[in-house]
Amino acid sequence: MCGYPQVNRDAYCSTVMIEWRLNAPKWEQVADVLKARIADGTYPVDSPLPSEHQLVAEFDIARGTARKVLVRLREEGVAYSVRGIGTFVKAPKDED
């Protein structure tokens, strides 16, 4: 399972049920889920990632946690932001 948190969708709502790992912060676990979705093609290059508001609703996390997820993805070079538009998947760097 590559160390990603266990994710299950609740059958009655759009909230994702995560079996949170106690040894890792929630922002890191949500970032891991988004990176896994990027890797499996759910979010292709230049496609928008969920907004802070959408992350709050989907993962039942605080807005500050959602903001930290998106900041960390940008810092890791996985995503980029366009002011007033959103955060998008960044193309991977070519390995020369």
Foldseek 3Di string as FASTA:
>chain_A
DVPAWDWDADPPDQAIDTPDDPVDDPLVNVLSVVVVCDVVVVADFFRFDDALVVCCRHHVDDSVSSVVNQVVCVVVVQWDADPPPHIGGHDDDDDD
